[in-house]
């Protein structure tokens, strides 16, 4: 915001490219109102500014406003580019509107972007999210020169639809084509292994990622491995893995462990520890986590623990009122 003030004083906001960058900055901080304010004060808005505004609405969970902004853009006779369509595809995904996605696809073909790899990757992702993995594969096969993003999107699409072996085969084909996987591709691959229960393959590629490809795993990669262990009912192993992770944990890690306990019913200590961490990381939703633990205690007829937890929940409620 201080930088924004400096731009105002210096007159640099007259530059559309500077204004568009500022707009994108606000949207990344989930300040879509401020992003729109910057947008409205831009003179001679170009396609980059319009596309950034459409994307800002989509990323902030306001897909209908994305569509409205697109309609405004068309009324201004602004020329579209592939980034505009990709921004719209995100809105279509949030709206769960396959019809809108198909309309965007048709429009992209009409204006001559049917072979743009960046746009086609977005369409593959959209169709796969709607369960149309075969349609996504057809688009993938039509891309004349596939970059690493295209391969990663197809691998992820297979994973989303429970096609774990197809995801592994696509990854192997990618390697055969001489493409070097990056951390995003490995995230798609590990996620597919987790969702499809491919434990051996998941661990094999997790270690290859570190040892062969020299890619340092990020929190999201570790989360996939926790999910993989949890889905197999190995809650104790999952907790040990979490405790040995070299990165700081987040809500997803502990939420996965808690969900695993609810489905496999291992040691209640794991559920208690997960709830303790979740309430620390996400205190605003502590009552929801306590209710889950309360139900677990009730199912196991641990009445003393039920009473103790109820007193704690009452005390927290009073503190919040105060």
Protein backbone atom coordinates (compact mmCIF):
# COMPACT_ATOMS: atom_id res chain seq x y z
CA UNK A 1 0.00 0.00 0.00
CA UNK A 2 2.94 2.30 0.69
CA UNK A 3 4.24 1.54 -2.78
CA UNK A 4 0.77 2.32 -4.16
CA UNK A 5 0.94 5.76 -2.52
CA UNK A 6 4.37 6.35 -4.02
CA UNK A 7 3.05 5.49 -7.48
CA UNK A 8 0.18 7.94 -7.04
CA UNK A 9 2.48 10.76 -5.97
CA UNK A 10 4.97 10.10 -8.74
CA UNK A 11 2.32 9.84 -11.45
CA UNK A 12 3.48 6.39 -12.50
CA UNK A 13 -0.05 4.98 -12.29
CA UNK A 14 -0.68 6.60 -15.65
CA UNK A 15 1.16 3.57 -17.05
CA UNK A 16 -1.34 0.78 -17.70
CA UNK A 17 1.32 -1.91 -17.21
CA UNK A 18 2.23 -0.52 -13.77
CA UNK A 19 -1.43 -0.29 -12.81
CA UNK A 20 -2.10 -3.85 -13.97
CA UNK A 21 0.83 -5.11 -11.88
CA UNK A 22 -0.53 -3.26 -8.83
CA UNK A 23 -3.96 -4.76 -9.49
CA UNK A 24 -2.46 -8.25 -9.57
CA UNK A 25 -0.60 -7.57 -6.34
CA UNK A 26 -3.82 -6.66 -4.52
CA UNK A 27 -5.64 -9.69 -5.90
CA UNK A 28 -2.89 -12.01 -4.61
CA UNK A 29 -3.51 -10.55 -1.14
CA UNK A 30 -7.23 -11.26 -1.61
CA UNK A 31 -8.01 -7.53 -1.71
CA UNK A 32 -10.26 -7.65 -4.74
CA UNK A 33 -12.03 -4.41 -3.76
CA UNK A 34 -8.74 -2.51 -3.86
CA UNK A 35 -7.84 -4.28 -7.09
CA UNK A 36 -11.09 -3.06 -8.66
CA UNK A 37 -10.42 0.45 -7.40
CA UNK A 38 -7.05 0.47 -9.16
CA UNK A 39 -8.65 -0.96 -12.28
CA UNK A 40 -11.40 1.67 -12.38
CA UNK A 41 -8.82 4.47 -12.24
CA UNK A 42 -6.74 3.13 -15.11
CA UNK A 43 -6.85 5.12 -18.32
CA UNK A 44 -6.79 3.28 -21.65
CA UNK A 45 -7.21 -0.19 -20.13
CA UNK A 46 -5.56 -2.87 -22.25
CA UNK A 47 -6.15 -6.62 -22.55
CA UNK A 48 -3.66 -7.35 -19.76
CA UNK A 49 -5.53 -5.12 -17.31
CA UNK A 50 -8.92 -6.58 -18.24
CA UNK A 51 -7.63 -10.15 -18.02
CA UNK A 52 -6.01 -9.43 -14.64
CA UNK A 53 -9.32 -8.10 -13.31
CA UNK A 54 -11.21 -11.15 -14.58
CA UNK A 55 -8.65 -13.41 -12.90
CA UNK A 56 -8.76 -11.40 -9.66
CA UNK A 57 -12.50 -12.02 -9.34
CA UNK A 58 -12.07 -15.73 -10.09
CA UNK A 59 -9.27 -16.16 -7.55
CA UNK A 60 -11.30 -14.37 -4.88
CA UNK A 61 -14.22 -16.76 -5.33
CA UNK A 62 -16.43 -14.35 -7.30
CA UNK A 63 -16.73 -16.10 -10.68
CA UNK A 64 -19.95 -14.35 -11.71
CA UNK A 65 -18.18 -11.00 -11.44
CA UNK A 66 -15.45 -12.46 -13.66
CA UNK A 67 -18.07 -13.12 -16.32
CA UNK A 68 -19.51 -9.62 -15.86
CA UNK A 69 -16.06 -8.10 -16.30
CA UNK A 70 -15.60 -10.16 -19.47
CA UNK A 71 -18.88 -8.81 -20.82
CA UNK A 72 -17.70 -5.29 -20.04
CA UNK A 73 -14.51 -6.04 -21.92
CA UNK A 74 -16.42 -7.19 -24.98
CA UNK A 75 -18.53 -4.03 -24.94
CA UNK A 76 -15.31 -2.01 -25.05
CA UNK A 77 -14.29 -3.98 -28.17
CA UNK A 78 -11.06 -4.96 -26.47
CA UNK A 79 -9.04 -7.65 -28.23
CA UNK A 80 -8.80 -10.93 -26.32
CA UNK A 81 -5.68 -13.00 -25.68
CA UNK A 82 -5.09 -16.55 -24.33
CA UNK A 83 -4.63 -15.22 -20.78
CA UNK A 84 -8.18 -13.79 -20.93
CA UNK A 85 -9.60 -17.20 -21.74
CA UNK A 86 -7.56 -18.96 -19.05
CA UNK A 87 -8.85 -16.45 -16.48
CA UNK A 88 -12.40 -17.21 -17.61
CA UNK A 89 -11.76 -20.94 -17.34
CA UNK A 90 -10.96 -20.52 -13.65
CA UNK A 91 -14.28 -18.77 -13.20
CA UNK A 92 -16.04 -21.57 -15.08
CA UNK A 93 -14.45 -24.15 -12.79
CA UNK A 94 -15.61 -22.30 -9.67
CA UNK A 95 -19.12 -21.98 -11.06
CA UNK A 96 -19.10 -25.71 -11.89
CA UNK A 97 -20.43 -24.66 -15.28
CA UNK A 98 -19.42 -27.09 -17.99
CA UNK A 99 -21.59 -25.16 -20.45
CA UNK A 100 -19.61 -21.96 -19.85
CA UNK A 101 -16.36 -23.88 -20.28
CA UNK A 102 -17.54 -25.29 -23.59
CA UNK A 103 -18.61 -21.82 -24.73
CA UNK A 104 -15.16 -20.46 -23.85
CA UNK A 105 -13.61 -23.34 -25.78
CA UNK A 106 -15.75 -22.57 -28.82
CA UNK A 107 -14.97 -18.85 -28.62
CA UNK A 108 -11.24 -19.60 -28.38
CA UNK A 109 -11.42 -21.69 -31.55
CA UNK A 110 -13.35 -18.90 -33.30
CA UNK A 111 -10.70 -16.28 -32.58
CA UNK A 112 -7.82 -18.57 -33.52
CA UNK A 113 -6.35 -19.75 -30.21
CA UNK A 114 -7.20 -23.44 -30.59
CA UNK A 115 -3.52 -24.47 -30.69
CA UNK A 116 -2.21 -22.23 -27.91
CA UNK A 117 -0.58 -24.63 -25.41
CA UNK A 118 -1.23 -22.35 -22.43
CA UNK A 119 -4.94 -22.12 -23.20
CA UNK A 120 -5.31 -25.79 -24.11
CA UNK A 121 -3.73 -26.74 -20.77
CA UNK A 122 -6.45 -24.72 -19.05
CA UNK A 123 -9.14 -26.48 -21.08
CA UNK A 124 -7.68 -29.92 -20.30
CA UNK A 125 -7.73 -29.04 -16.60
CA UNK A 126 -11.35 -27.85 -16.84
CA UNK A 127 -12.64 -30.89 -18.70
CA UNK A 128 -10.87 -33.27 -16.32
CA UNK A 129 -12.39 -31.48 -13.32
CA UNK A 130 -15.79 -32.18 -14.87
CA UNK A 131 -14.90 -35.85 -15.28
CA UNK A 132 -14.40 -35.54 -19.04
CA UNK A 133 -10.92 -37.05 -18.99
CA UNK A 134 -11.24 -38.56 -22.48
CA UNK A 135 -12.07 -35.14 -23.89
CA UNK A 136 -9.09 -33.71 -22.04
CA UNK A 137 -6.86 -36.42 -23.56
CA UNK A 138 -8.09 -35.56 -27.07
CA UNK A 139 -7.08 -31.93 -26.52
CA UNK A 140 -3.75 -33.03 -25.07
CA UNK A 141 -2.99 -35.16 -28.14
CA UNK A 142 -3.75 -32.20 -30.42
CA UNK A 143 -1.08 -29.96 -28.88
CA UNK A 144 1.75 -29.92 -31.46
CA UNK A 145 4.53 -28.96 -29.03
CA UNK A 146 3.86 -29.96 -25.43
CA UNK A 147 5.66 -28.11 -22.66
CA UNK A 148 6.08 -29.31 -19.09
CA UNK A 149 2.85 -27.55 -18.05
CA UNK A 150 0.81 -29.54 -20.56
CA UNK A 151 2.22 -32.83 -19.31
CA UNK A 152 1.62 -31.86 -15.68
CA UNK A 153 -2.01 -30.88 -16.33
CA UNK A 154 -2.74 -34.19 -18.06
CA UNK A 155 -1.12 -36.16 -15.23
CA UNK A 156 -3.16 -34.20 -12.70
CA UNK A 157 -6.34 -34.75 -14.72
CA UNK A 158 -5.86 -38.51 -14.64
CA UNK A 159 -5.28 -38.37 -10.90
CA UNK A 160 -8.46 -36.39 -10.32
CA UNK A 161 -10.44 -39.09 -12.10
CA UNK A 162 -8.89 -42.06 -10.32
CA UNK A 163 -6.78 -43.11 -13.32
CA UNK A 164 -3.54 -43.67 -11.44
CA UNK A 165 -1.90 -46.02 -13.92
CA UNK A 166 -2.65 -43.64 -16.80
CA UNK A 167 -1.06 -40.83 -14.79
CA UNK A 168 2.09 -42.93 -14.29
CA UNK A 169 2.18 -43.88 -17.97
CA UNK A 170 1.85 -40.24 -19.02
CA UNK A 171 4.70 -39.30 -16.71
CA UNK A 172 6.87 -42.07 -18.17
CA UNK A 173 6.03 -40.91 -21.70
CA UNK A 174 7.00 -37.40 -20.73
CA UNK A 175 10.42 -38.63 -19.59
CA UNK A 176 10.82 -40.60 -22.82
CA UNK A 177 10.26 -37.35 -24.74
CA UNK A 178 13.22 -35.85 -22.93
CA UNK A 179 11.15 -33.50 -20.75
CA UNK A 180 12.58 -32.74 -17.31
CA UNK A 181 9.89 -32.74 -14.61
CA UNK A 182 9.64 -29.80 -12.23
CA UNK A 183 8.18 -29.56 -8.74
CA UNK A 184 4.66 -28.88 -10.11
CA UNK A 185 4.69 -32.03 -12.26
CA UNK A 186 5.87 -34.08 -9.29
CA UNK A 187 3.06 -32.61 -7.21
CA UNK A 188 0.54 -33.79 -9.82
CA UNK A 189 2.17 -37.23 -9.93
CA UNK A 190 2.31 -37.69 -6.15
CA UNK A 191 -1.26 -36.44 -5.81
CA UNK A 192 -2.39 -39.03 -8.38
CA UNK A 193 -0.57 -41.78 -6.47
CA UNK A 194 -2.21 -40.65 -3.24
CA UNK A 195 -5.72 -40.46 -4.67
CA UNK A 196 -5.40 -43.83 -6.39
CA UNK A 197 -3.71 -45.71 -3.54
CA UNK A 198 -0.46 -46.34 -5.42
CA UNK A 199 1.71 -46.48 -2.31
CA UNK A 200 4.79 -48.17 -3.75
CA UNK A 201 4.87 -45.93 -6.82
CA UNK A 202 4.26 -42.83 -4.72
CA UNK A 203 7.22 -43.47 -2.43
CA UNK A 204 9.43 -44.50 -5.33
CA UNK A 205 8.87 -41.20 -7.16
CA UNK A 206 9.01 -39.16 -3.97
CA UNK A 207 12.54 -40.39 -3.30
CA UNK A 208 13.50 -40.09 -6.99
CA UNK A 209 12.35 -36.49 -6.93
CA UNK A 210 14.87 -35.73 -4.20
CA UNK A 211 17.74 -38.03 -5.11
CA UNK A 212 17.66 -38.27 -8.92
CA UNK A 213 16.13 -34.95 -9.98
CA UNK A 214 17.50 -32.86 -7.10
CA UNK A 215 14.15 -31.20 -6.45
CA UNK A 216 13.57 -30.20 -2.82
CA UNK A 217 10.06 -31.26 -1.74
CA UNK A 218 7.75 -28.50 -0.57
CA UNK A 219 4.97 -28.70 1.97
CA UNK A 220 2.47 -29.73 -0.72
CA UNK A 221 4.62 -32.72 -1.70
CA UNK A 222 4.88 -33.83 1.92
CA UNK A 223 1.12 -33.42 2.25
CA UNK A 224 0.62 -35.86 -0.62
CA UNK A 225 2.70 -38.45 1.19
CA UNK A 226 0.77 -37.91 4.43
CA UNK A 227 -2.45 -38.36 2.44
CA UNK A 228 -1.04 -41.53 0.87
CA UNK A 229 -0.22 -43.05 4.26
CA UNK A 230 -3.50 -41.88 5.76
CA UNK A 231 -5.64 -43.28 2.94
CA UNK A 232 -3.98 -46.65 3.48
CA UNK A 233 -4.89 -46.51 7.16
CA UNK A 234 -1.28 -46.11 8.31
CA UNK A 235 -2.02 -43.34 10.77
CA UNK A 236 0.86 -44.09 13.12
CA UNK A 237 3.35 -44.09 10.25
CA UNK A 238 1.78 -40.89 8.95
CA UNK A 239 2.22 -39.17 12.33
CA UNK A 240 5.84 -40.30 12.52
CA UNK A 241 6.41 -38.98 9.00
CA UNK A 242 4.89 -35.62 9.94
CA UNK A 243 7.05 -35.33 13.04
CA UNK A 244 10.17 -35.93 10.94
CA UNK A 245 9.26 -33.49 8.14
CA UNK A 246 11.88 -30.73 7.62
CA UNK A 247 9.17 -28.15 6.83
CA UNK A 248 6.59 -26.50 9.04
CA UNK A 249 3.18 -28.19 9.00
CA UNK A 250 -0.15 -26.56 8.14
CA UNK A 251 -3.89 -27.24 8.51
CA UNK A 252 -4.01 -29.63 5.58
CA UNK A 253 -1.43 -31.96 7.12
CA UNK A 254 -3.23 -32.27 10.45
CA UNK A 255 -6.65 -32.30 8.82
CA UNK A 256 -5.59 -35.29 6.75
CA UNK A 257 -4.44 -37.13 9.85
CA UNK A 258 -7.71 -36.38 11.64
CA UNK A 259 -9.75 -37.54 8.64
CA UNK A 260 -7.65 -40.70 8.49
CA UNK A 261 -8.39 -41.53 12.12
CA UNK A 262 -12.12 -41.03 11.57
CA UNK A 263 -12.10 -43.62 8.77
CA UNK A 264 -9.66 -46.16 10.23
CA UNK A 265 -10.02 -45.68 13.99
CA UNK A 266 -6.44 -46.21 15.10
CA UNK A 267 -5.06 -44.68 18.27
CA UNK A 268 -7.23 -41.92 19.73
CA UNK A 269 -4.02 -40.16 20.73
CA UNK A 270 -3.44 -39.33 17.07
CA UNK A 271 -6.84 -37.66 16.79
CA UNK A 272 -6.24 -35.73 20.01
CA UNK A 273 -2.84 -34.54 18.84
CA UNK A 274 -4.23 -33.54 15.43
CA UNK A 275 -7.04 -31.53 17.03
CA UNK A 276 -4.55 -29.84 19.35
CA UNK A 277 -2.44 -28.74 16.38
CA UNK A 278 -5.47 -27.68 14.33
CA UNK A 279 -6.88 -25.49 17.08
CA UNK A 280 -3.47 -23.82 17.40
CA UNK A 281 -3.11 -23.23 13.66
CA UNK A 282 -6.75 -22.33 13.06
CA UNK A 283 -8.22 -20.98 16.33
CA UNK A 284 -11.21 -19.40 14.56
CA UNK A 285 -12.54 -22.89 13.79
CA UNK A 286 -11.53 -24.54 17.06
CA UNK A 287 -15.15 -25.32 17.96
CA UNK A 288 -15.53 -27.39 14.78
CA UNK A 289 -12.44 -29.45 15.59
CA UNK A 290 -13.58 -29.95 19.17
CA UNK A 291 -16.97 -31.19 17.94
CA UNK A 292 -15.26 -33.79 15.76
CA UNK A 293 -13.23 -34.99 18.74
CA UNK A 294 -16.35 -34.95 20.92
CA UNK A 295 -18.10 -37.28 18.45
CA UNK A 296 -15.09 -39.61 18.46
CA UNK A 297 -15.09 -39.76 22.26
CA UNK A 298 -18.83 -40.44 22.24
CA UNK A 299 -18.50 -43.26 19.71
CA UNK A 300 -15.90 -44.91 21.94
CA UNK A 301 -17.98 -44.32 25.11
CA UNK A 302 -15.24 -42.26 26.76
CA UNK A 303 -17.65 -40.32 28.93
CA UNK A 304 -15.06 -38.69 31.18
CA UNK A 305 -13.27 -37.33 28.13
CA UNK A 306 -16.62 -36.14 26.73
CA UNK A 307 -17.38 -34.21 29.91
CA UNK A 308 -13.88 -32.72 30.06
CA UNK A 309 -14.05 -31.57 26.46
CA UNK A 310 -17.51 -30.08 26.91
CA UNK A 311 -16.25 -27.99 29.84
CA UNK A 312 -13.34 -26.80 27.70
CA UNK A 313 -15.72 -25.86 24.86
CA UNK A 314 -17.95 -23.94 27.31
CA UNK A 315 -14.94 -22.08 28.70
CA UNK A 316 -13.80 -21.13 25.19
CA UNK A 317 -17.29 -19.93 24.35
CA UNK A 318 -17.34 -17.70 27.43
CA UNK A 319 -13.92 -16.31 26.57
CA UNK A 320 -15.09 -15.45 23.07
CA UNK A 321 -18.12 -13.61 24.48
CA UNK A 322 -15.93 -11.69 26.89
